[in-house]
Amino acid sequence: MPQLVKYCTVIMGNIWSANSLLGIEVDERIHAHQSKQAYLDHAAKTSLAVMEQFPNCKAVANTYRFDSNEEQILYYTTLQMGNESYYSKEFTCKGVVDRSGSGDCFMAGLIYGFHTQHDDPQELLNYAAAAAFGKLQEQGDATEQEVLQVEAGF
């Protein structure tokens, strides 16, 4: 993966994929903190390490979905651009229709946001997070959401 990532300007994943695919250190006890702030802080630290290791990278996005309790799903995302950290709102729901494609939908939302809302990183992150969360309520790999539906989600 590092051979591909060295050409990327935007990277999306999470702190665990940065560890397993890129060798970026992850706190193995992060779950013990039981703190959203600990995850946000770790995302910033991981993102900065990715950008340092891969100088072409200008932005790193992380997604978090916690669904250990099927009664309550928690989803939020981060975006690191240079030294600035951005956080989506926290989305919750009582269940997921289908997890397939939500990460792809998030990345598609990021790409769309970079092309339409490039002056406002917070808005583009909000859009991408809402697109991914909306996809969790749809069956199948692809989304049927339209831009206005996604925008209404945040």
N, C-alpha and C. Protein backbone atom coordinates (compact mmCIF):
# COMPACT_ATOMS: atom_id res chain seq x y z
N MET A 1 0.81 -1.20 0.00
CA MET A 1 0.00 0.00 0.00
C MET A 1 0.85 1.27 0.00
N PRO A 2 1.95 1.33 0.74
CA PRO A 2 2.77 2.55 0.72
C PRO A 2 3.23 2.96 -0.68
N GLN A 3 3.44 1.98 -1.55
CA GLN A 3 3.87 2.31 -2.92
C GLN A 3 2.78 3.06 -3.68
N LEU A 4 1.51 2.82 -3.35
CA LEU A 4 0.40 3.56 -3.97
C LEU A 4 0.14 4.88 -3.25
N VAL A 5 0.16 4.83 -1.93
CA VAL A 5 -0.18 5.99 -1.12
C VAL A 5 0.78 7.16 -1.35
N LYS A 6 2.01 6.87 -1.71
CA LYS A 6 2.97 7.96 -1.92
C LYS A 6 2.54 8.91 -3.04
N TYR A 7 1.60 8.50 -3.88
CA TYR A 7 1.10 9.35 -4.96
C TYR A 7 -0.22 10.05 -4.62
N CYS A 8 -0.81 9.71 -3.48
CA CYS A 8 -2.13 10.23 -3.12
C CYS A 8 -2.06 11.61 -2.47
N THR A 9 -3.07 12.42 -2.76
CA THR A 9 -3.20 13.71 -2.10
C THR A 9 -4.26 13.68 -1.01
N VAL A 10 -5.19 12.74 -1.09
CA VAL A 10 -6.23 12.56 -0.08
C VAL A 10 -6.26 11.08 0.29
N ILE A 11 -6.25 10.79 1.58
CA ILE A 11 -6.28 9.42 2.06
C ILE A 11 -7.43 9.30 3.05
N MET A 12 -8.18 8.22 2.93
CA MET A 12 -9.32 8.00 3.81
C MET A 12 -9.23 6.61 4.41
N GLY A 13 -9.56 6.47 5.67
CA GLY A 13 -9.58 5.17 6.33
C GLY A 13 -9.92 5.37 7.79
N ASN A 14 -9.09 4.79 8.65
CA ASN A 14 -9.22 4.99 10.09
C ASN A 14 -7.87 4.67 10.73
N ILE A 15 -7.79 4.86 12.01
CA ILE A 15 -6.50 4.69 12.68
C ILE A 15 -6.00 3.25 12.61
N TRP A 16 -6.93 2.29 12.55
CA TRP A 16 -6.54 0.89 12.48
C TRP A 16 -6.04 0.51 11.08
N SER A 17 -6.67 1.06 10.04
CA SER A 17 -6.18 0.76 8.69
C SER A 17 -4.85 1.47 8.44
N ALA A 18 -4.65 2.65 9.01
CA ALA A 18 -3.35 3.33 8.88
C ALA A 18 -2.26 2.48 9.52
N ASN A 19 -2.61 1.80 10.59
CA ASN A 19 -1.65 0.92 11.26
C ASN A 19 -1.37 -0.33 10.43
N SER A 20 -2.40 -1.03 10.02
CA SER A 20 -2.19 -2.31 9.34
C SER A 20 -1.66 -2.15 7.91
N LEU A 21 -2.03 -1.05 7.23
CA LEU A 21 -1.63 -0.88 5.84
C LEU A 21 -0.41 0.01 5.64
N LEU A 22 -0.19 0.94 6.58
CA LEU A 22 0.90 1.90 6.41
C LEU A 22 1.93 1.86 7.52
N GLY A 23 1.69 1.07 8.55
CA GLY A 23 2.64 0.96 9.64
C GLY A 23 2.63 2.12 10.61
N ILE A 24 1.57 2.94 10.59
CA ILE A 24 1.45 4.06 11.52
C ILE A 24 1.02 3.50 12.88
N GLU A 25 1.69 3.92 13.93
CA GLU A 25 1.43 3.39 15.27
C GLU A 25 -0.01 3.68 15.71
N VAL A 26 -0.61 2.69 16.36
CA VAL A 26 -1.95 2.85 16.92
C VAL A 26 -1.90 2.45 18.39
N ASP A 27 -2.64 3.16 19.20
CA ASP A 27 -2.74 2.85 20.63
C ASP A 27 -3.65 1.63 20.78
N GLU A 28 -3.08 0.50 21.11
CA GLU A 28 -3.84 -0.75 21.23
C GLU A 28 -4.87 -0.70 22.35
N ARG A 29 -4.73 0.26 23.27
CA ARG A 29 -5.66 0.39 24.39
C ARG A 29 -6.67 1.51 24.18
N ILE A 30 -6.81 1.99 22.95
CA ILE A 30 -7.68 3.13 22.69
C ILE A 30 -9.12 2.87 23.15
N HIS A 31 -9.61 1.64 23.00
CA HIS A 31 -10.99 1.35 23.41
C HIS A 31 -11.18 1.46 24.92
N ALA A 32 -10.12 1.24 25.67
CA ALA A 32 -10.22 1.31 27.14
C ALA A 32 -10.52 2.73 27.62
N HIS A 33 -10.14 3.72 26.81
CA HIS A 33 -10.39 5.11 27.20
C HIS A 33 -11.88 5.44 27.19
N GLN A 34 -12.65 4.74 26.35
CA GLN A 34 -14.08 4.98 26.20
C GLN A 34 -14.39 6.47 26.10
N SER A 35 -13.65 7.13 25.23
CA SER A 35 -13.77 8.57 25.09
C SER A 35 -13.73 8.96 23.62
N LYS A 36 -14.74 9.67 23.20
CA LYS A 36 -14.75 10.19 21.83
C LYS A 36 -13.54 11.08 21.61
N GLN A 37 -13.19 11.88 22.60
CA GLN A 37 -12.05 12.78 22.46
C GLN A 37 -10.75 12.01 22.24
N ALA A 38 -10.61 10.86 22.87
CA ALA A 38 -9.42 10.03 22.66
C ALA A 38 -9.33 9.58 21.20
N TYR A 39 -10.46 9.21 20.60
CA TYR A 39 -10.47 8.82 19.19
C TYR A 39 -10.16 10.01 18.29
N LEU A 40 -10.72 11.17 18.60
CA LEU A 40 -10.46 12.37 17.81
C LEU A 40 -8.99 12.76 17.88
N ASP A 41 -8.43 12.73 19.07
CA ASP A 41 -7.01 13.06 19.25
C ASP A 41 -6.13 12.07 18.50
N HIS A 42 -6.49 10.79 18.57
CA HIS A 42 -5.69 9.77 17.89
C HIS A 42 -5.79 9.95 16.37
N ALA A 43 -6.97 10.32 15.88
CA ALA A 43 -7.13 10.56 14.44
C ALA A 43 -6.21 11.68 13.97
N ALA A 44 -6.14 12.76 14.75
CA ALA A 44 -5.25 13.87 14.38
C ALA A 44 -3.79 13.43 14.39
N LYS A 45 -3.40 12.71 15.43
CA LYS A 45 -2.01 12.23 15.53
C LYS A 45 -1.67 11.30 14.36
N THR A 46 -2.56 10.37 14.07
CA THR A 46 -2.36 9.43 12.97
C THR A 46 -2.30 10.16 11.64
N SER A 47 -3.21 11.09 11.43
CA SER A 47 -3.27 11.84 10.17
C SER A 47 -1.99 12.64 9.94
N LEU A 48 -1.50 13.29 10.99
CA LEU A 48 -0.25 14.05 10.86
C LEU A 48 0.92 13.13 10.54
N ALA A 49 0.92 11.94 11.14
CA ALA A 49 1.98 10.97 10.85
C ALA A 49 1.91 10.49 9.39
N VAL A 50 0.70 10.29 8.89
CA VAL A 50 0.52 9.89 7.49
C VAL A 50 1.05 10.99 6.57
N MET A 51 0.67 12.24 6.85
CA MET A 51 1.11 13.35 5.99
C MET A 51 2.62 13.55 6.07
N GLU A 52 3.21 13.28 7.22
CA GLU A 52 4.66 13.39 7.34
C GLU A 52 5.36 12.29 6.54
N GLN A 53 4.82 11.09 6.63
CA GLN A 53 5.42 9.96 5.92
C GLN A 53 5.19 10.03 4.41
N PHE A 54 4.07 10.66 3.99
CA PHE A 54 3.71 10.75 2.58
C PHE A 54 3.47 12.22 2.23
N PRO A 55 4.51 12.95 1.88
CA PRO A 55 4.43 14.41 1.69
C PRO A 55 3.45 14.88 0.61
N ASN A 56 3.07 14.03 -0.35
CA ASN A 56 2.08 14.43 -1.35
C ASN A 56 0.69 14.55 -0.75
N CYS A 57 0.46 13.88 0.37
CA CYS A 57 -0.86 13.87 1.01
C CYS A 57 -1.14 15.22 1.66
N LYS A 58 -2.27 15.80 1.29
CA LYS A 58 -2.68 17.10 1.84
C LYS A 58 -3.86 16.99 2.80
N ALA A 59 -4.54 15.84 2.78
CA ALA A 59 -5.71 15.66 3.64
C ALA A 59 -5.86 14.18 3.99
N VAL A 60 -6.24 13.93 5.25
CA VAL A 60 -6.50 12.57 5.72
C VAL A 60 -7.85 12.57 6.44
N ALA A 61 -8.70 11.64 6.04
CA ALA A 61 -10.02 11.51 6.66
C ALA A 61 -10.11 10.18 7.39
N ASN A 62 -10.77 10.20 8.52
CA ASN A 62 -10.99 9.00 9.32
C ASN A 62 -12.47 8.83 9.60
N THR A 63 -12.93 7.59 9.54
CA THR A 63 -14.33 7.30 9.88
C THR A 63 -14.37 6.42 11.12
N TYR A 64 -15.39 6.63 11.92
CA TYR A 64 -15.62 5.82 13.13
C TYR A 64 -17.07 5.37 13.14
N ARG A 65 -17.27 4.07 13.19
CA ARG A 65 -18.62 3.52 13.36
C ARG A 65 -18.55 2.51 14.49
N PHE A 66 -19.33 2.74 15.51
CA PHE A 66 -19.37 1.84 16.66
C PHE A 66 -20.76 1.22 16.71
N ASP A 67 -20.80 -0.09 16.57
CA ASP A 67 -22.09 -0.77 16.57
C ASP A 67 -22.04 -2.06 17.38
N SER A 68 -21.34 -2.01 18.49
CA SER A 68 -21.26 -3.18 19.35
C SER A 68 -22.62 -3.51 19.94
N ASN A 69 -23.43 -2.51 20.09
CA ASN A 69 -24.79 -2.69 20.58
C ASN A 69 -25.72 -2.41 19.40
N GLU A 70 -26.36 -3.43 18.87
CA GLU A 70 -27.20 -3.27 17.67
C GLU A 70 -28.36 -2.29 17.91
N GLU A 71 -28.63 -1.99 19.16
CA GLU A 71 -29.69 -1.03 19.46
C GLU A 71 -29.27 0.40 19.13
N GLN A 72 -27.99 0.69 19.21
CA GLN A 72 -27.52 2.06 19.01
C GLN A 72 -26.25 2.06 18.18
N ILE A 73 -26.31 2.68 17.02
CA ILE A 73 -25.16 2.82 16.13
C ILE A 73 -24.65 4.26 16.26
N LEU A 74 -23.35 4.42 16.38
CA LEU A 74 -22.73 5.73 16.49
C LEU A 74 -21.75 5.89 15.33
N TYR A 75 -21.82 7.03 14.65
CA TYR A 75 -20.96 7.27 13.49
C TYR A 75 -20.50 8.72 13.50
N TYR A 76 -19.20 8.93 13.27
CA TYR A 76 -18.67 10.27 13.08
C TYR A 76 -17.36 10.18 12.32
N THR A 77 -16.88 11.31 11.83
CA THR A 77 -15.70 11.32 10.97
C THR A 77 -14.79 12.51 11.32
N THR A 78 -13.55 12.42 10.84
CA THR A 78 -12.60 13.52 11.03
C THR A 78 -11.93 13.83 9.70
N LEU A 79 -11.41 15.03 9.61
CA LEU A 79 -10.62 15.43 8.44
C LEU A 79 -9.47 16.28 8.93
N GLN A 80 -8.28 15.90 8.52
CA GLN A 80 -7.07 16.65 8.87
C GLN A 80 -6.55 17.28 7.58
N MET A 81 -6.43 18.60 7.57
CA MET A 81 -5.84 19.31 6.44
C MET A 81 -4.72 20.17 7.01
N GLY A 82 -3.48 19.77 6.75
CA GLY A 82 -2.36 20.46 7.37
C GLY A 82 -2.46 20.30 8.87
N ASN A 83 -2.34 21.39 9.60
CA ASN A 83 -2.44 21.35 11.05
C ASN A 83 -3.86 21.57 11.58
N GLU A 84 -4.82 21.68 10.66
CA GLU A 84 -6.21 21.92 11.07
C GLU A 84 -7.00 20.62 11.13
N SER A 85 -7.72 20.43 12.23
CA SER A 85 -8.58 19.25 12.40
C SER A 85 -10.04 19.66 12.32
N TYR A 86 -10.82 18.85 11.62
CA TYR A 86 -12.26 19.08 11.48
C TYR A 86 -12.98 17.81 11.90
N TYR A 87 -14.17 17.98 12.50
CA TYR A 87 -14.93 16.85 13.00
C TYR A 87 -16.37 16.97 12.54
N SER A 88 -16.92 15.86 12.08
CA SER A 88 -18.33 15.87 11.70
C SER A 88 -19.19 15.83 12.95
N LYS A 89 -20.46 16.07 12.75
CA LYS A 89 -21.38 15.85 13.87
C LYS A 89 -21.45 14.35 14.11
N GLU A 90 -22.02 13.99 15.23
CA GLU A 90 -22.19 12.60 15.60
C GLU A 90 -23.56 12.14 15.11
N PHE A 91 -23.59 11.07 14.35
CA PHE A 91 -24.83 10.51 13.86
C PHE A 91 -25.16 9.26 14.67
N THR A 92 -26.43 9.07 15.00
CA THR A 92 -26.86 7.86 15.69
C THR A 92 -28.13 7.33 15.04
N CYS A 93 -28.31 6.04 15.17
CA CYS A 93 -29.55 5.42 14.71
C CYS A 93 -29.73 4.11 15.47
N LYS A 94 -30.87 3.50 15.30
CA LYS A 94 -31.18 2.27 16.04
C LYS A 94 -30.80 1.01 15.31
N GLY A 95 -30.23 1.12 14.14
CA GLY A 95 -29.83 -0.07 13.40
C GLY A 95 -29.34 0.30 12.02
N VAL A 96 -28.68 -0.64 11.40
CA VAL A 96 -28.13 -0.43 10.06
C VAL A 96 -28.80 -1.40 9.11
N VAL A 97 -29.23 -0.91 7.97
CA VAL A 97 -29.81 -1.76 6.95
C VAL A 97 -28.71 -2.57 6.27
N ASP A 98 -27.63 -1.89 5.88
CA ASP A 98 -26.53 -2.57 5.19
C ASP A 98 -25.26 -1.73 5.35
N ARG A 99 -24.20 -2.36 5.83
CA ARG A 99 -22.92 -1.66 6.02
C ARG A 99 -22.14 -1.52 4.72
N SER A 100 -22.44 -2.38 3.76
CA SER A 100 -21.70 -2.39 2.49
C SER A 100 -21.78 -1.05 1.78
N GLY A 101 -20.63 -0.53 1.39
CA GLY A 101 -20.59 0.67 0.59
C GLY A 101 -20.56 1.98 1.34
N SER A 102 -20.67 1.95 2.67
CA SER A 102 -20.70 3.23 3.40
C SER A 102 -19.34 3.94 3.33
N GLY A 103 -18.25 3.20 3.39
CA GLY A 103 -16.92 3.80 3.25
C GLY A 103 -16.72 4.38 1.85
N ASP A 104 -17.18 3.64 0.85
CA ASP A 104 -17.10 4.14 -0.53
C ASP A 104 -17.93 5.42 -0.68
N CYS A 105 -19.09 5.43 -0.04
CA CYS A 105 -19.95 6.60 -0.11
C CYS A 105 -19.30 7.80 0.59
N PHE A 106 -18.62 7.54 1.70
CA PHE A 106 -17.90 8.61 2.38
C PHE A 106 -16.82 9.19 1.47
N MET A 107 -16.04 8.32 0.83
CA MET A 107 -14.97 8.80 -0.06
C MET A 107 -15.56 9.55 -1.24
N ALA A 108 -16.65 9.06 -1.80
CA ALA A 108 -17.31 9.77 -2.91
C ALA A 108 -17.78 11.14 -2.44
N GLY A 109 -18.31 11.21 -1.22
CA GLY A 109 -18.73 12.50 -0.66
C GLY A 109 -17.56 13.44 -0.47
N LEU A 110 -16.41 12.91 -0.05
CA LEU A 110 -15.21 13.73 0.08
C LEU A 110 -14.77 14.28 -1.28
N ILE A 111 -14.72 13.40 -2.26
CA ILE A 111 -14.32 13.84 -3.60
C ILE A 111 -15.28 14.91 -4.11
N TYR A 112 -16.57 14.67 -3.97
CA TYR A 112 -17.57 15.65 -4.39
C TYR A 112 -17.35 16.97 -3.63
N GLY A 113 -17.13 16.86 -2.33
CA GLY A 113 -16.93 18.06 -1.51
C GLY A 113 -15.69 18.84 -1.91
N PHE A 114 -14.62 18.14 -2.21
CA PHE A 114 -13.39 18.83 -2.64
C PHE A 114 -13.61 19.58 -3.95
N HIS A 115 -14.53 19.11 -4.76
CA HIS A 115 -14.78 19.77 -6.04
C HIS A 115 -15.85 20.86 -5.96
N THR A 116 -16.71 20.81 -4.94
CA THR A 116 -17.79 21.79 -4.87
C THR A 116 -17.71 22.72 -3.66
N GLN A 117 -17.07 22.28 -2.59
CA GLN A 117 -17.02 23.06 -1.36
C GLN A 117 -15.60 23.20 -0.87
N HIS A 118 -14.67 23.33 -1.79
CA HIS A 118 -13.25 23.32 -1.46
C HIS A 118 -12.81 24.46 -0.57
N ASP A 119 -13.61 25.49 -0.45
CA ASP A 119 -13.24 26.61 0.42
C ASP A 119 -13.61 26.37 1.87
N ASP A 120 -14.41 25.36 2.13
CA ASP A 120 -14.89 25.12 3.49
C ASP A 120 -14.73 23.64 3.86
N PRO A 121 -13.59 23.30 4.45
CA PRO A 121 -13.35 21.90 4.82
C PRO A 121 -14.42 21.32 5.74
N GLN A 122 -14.97 22.14 6.64
CA GLN A 122 -16.01 21.63 7.54
C GLN A 122 -17.25 21.22 6.76
N GLU A 123 -17.64 22.02 5.78
CA GLU A 123 -18.81 21.69 4.97
C GLU A 123 -18.58 20.42 4.15
N LEU A 124 -17.39 20.27 3.58
CA LEU A 124 -17.15 19.07 2.78
C LEU A 124 -17.12 17.83 3.65
N LEU A 125 -16.60 17.93 4.87
CA LEU A 125 -16.62 16.80 5.79
C LEU A 125 -18.05 16.48 6.21
N ASN A 126 -18.83 17.50 6.51
CA ASN A 126 -20.23 17.28 6.87
C ASN A 126 -20.97 16.54 5.76
N TYR A 127 -20.73 16.95 4.52
CA TYR A 127 -21.39 16.32 3.38
C TYR A 127 -20.99 14.85 3.27
N ALA A 128 -19.70 14.58 3.33
CA ALA A 128 -19.21 13.20 3.19
C ALA A 128 -19.75 12.31 4.31
N ALA A 129 -19.76 12.82 5.54
CA ALA A 129 -20.26 12.04 6.67
C ALA A 129 -21.75 11.76 6.52
N ALA A 130 -22.52 12.76 6.11
CA ALA A 130 -23.96 12.57 5.91
C ALA A 130 -24.23 11.56 4.80
N ALA A 131 -23.44 11.60 3.73
CA ALA A 131 -23.61 10.64 2.63
C ALA A 131 -23.36 9.22 3.13
N ALA A 132 -22.29 9.03 3.87
CA ALA A 132 -21.95 7.69 4.38
C ALA A 132 -23.00 7.20 5.37
N PHE A 133 -23.44 8.07 6.27
CA PHE A 133 -24.44 7.67 7.26
C PHE A 133 -25.76 7.33 6.57
N GLY A 134 -26.14 8.12 5.57
CA GLY A 134 -27.35 7.82 4.81
C GLY A 134 -27.27 6.46 4.13
N LYS A 135 -26.09 6.11 3.63
CA LYS A 135 -25.91 4.82 2.96
C LYS A 135 -26.14 3.66 3.91
N LEU A 136 -25.85 3.84 5.18
CA LEU A 136 -26.07 2.78 6.16
C LEU A 136 -27.54 2.37 6.26
N GLN A 137 -28.43 3.23 5.77
CA GLN A 137 -29.87 2.96 5.81
C GLN A 137 -30.41 2.44 4.48
N GLU A 138 -29.51 2.04 3.59
CA GLU A 138 -29.91 1.53 2.28
C GLU A 138 -29.38 0.12 2.08
N GLN A 139 -30.16 -0.69 1.38
CA GLN A 139 -29.73 -2.05 1.05
C GLN A 139 -28.84 -2.01 -0.19
N GLY A 140 -27.80 -2.84 -0.18
CA GLY A 140 -26.93 -2.96 -1.34
C GLY A 140 -25.68 -2.12 -1.23
N ASP A 141 -24.84 -2.28 -2.24
CA ASP A 141 -23.53 -1.65 -2.26
C ASP A 141 -23.55 -0.18 -2.66
N ALA A 142 -24.53 0.24 -3.43
CA ALA A 142 -24.57 1.60 -3.97
C ALA A 142 -25.68 2.41 -3.29
N THR A 143 -25.51 3.72 -3.34
CA THR A 143 -26.51 4.61 -2.75
C THR A 143 -27.45 5.13 -3.83
N GLU A 144 -28.66 5.42 -3.41
CA GLU A 144 -29.64 6.06 -4.29
C GLU A 144 -29.85 7.53 -3.86
N GLN A 145 -29.08 7.99 -2.88
CA GLN A 145 -29.23 9.36 -2.38
C GLN A 145 -28.87 10.38 -3.45
N GLU A 146 -29.56 11.48 -3.42
CA GLU A 146 -29.22 12.60 -4.28
C GLU A 146 -28.61 13.70 -3.43
N VAL A 147 -27.95 14.64 -4.08
CA VAL A 147 -27.20 15.70 -3.38
C VAL A 147 -28.07 16.41 -2.34
N LEU A 148 -29.29 16.80 -2.70
CA LEU A 148 -30.13 17.54 -1.75
C LEU A 148 -30.53 16.68 -0.56
N GLN A 149 -30.72 15.38 -0.77
CA GLN A 149 -31.01 14.49 0.35
C GLN A 149 -29.83 14.43 1.32
N VAL A 150 -28.64 14.32 0.77
CA VAL A 150 -27.44 14.26 1.62
C VAL A 150 -27.28 15.57 2.38
N GLU A 151 -27.45 16.69 1.69
CA GLU A 151 -27.31 17.98 2.35
C GLU A 151 -28.32 18.16 3.46
N ALA A 152 -29.51 17.59 3.31
CA ALA A 152 -30.53 17.68 4.34
C ALA A 152 -30.14 16.86 5.57
N GLY A 153 -29.22 15.90 5.41
CA GLY A 153 -28.79 15.04 6.51
C GLY A 153 -27.82 15.70 7.47
N PHE A 154 -27.31 16.87 7.12
CA PHE A 154 -26.41 17.54 8.04
C PHE A 154 -26.87 18.93 8.21
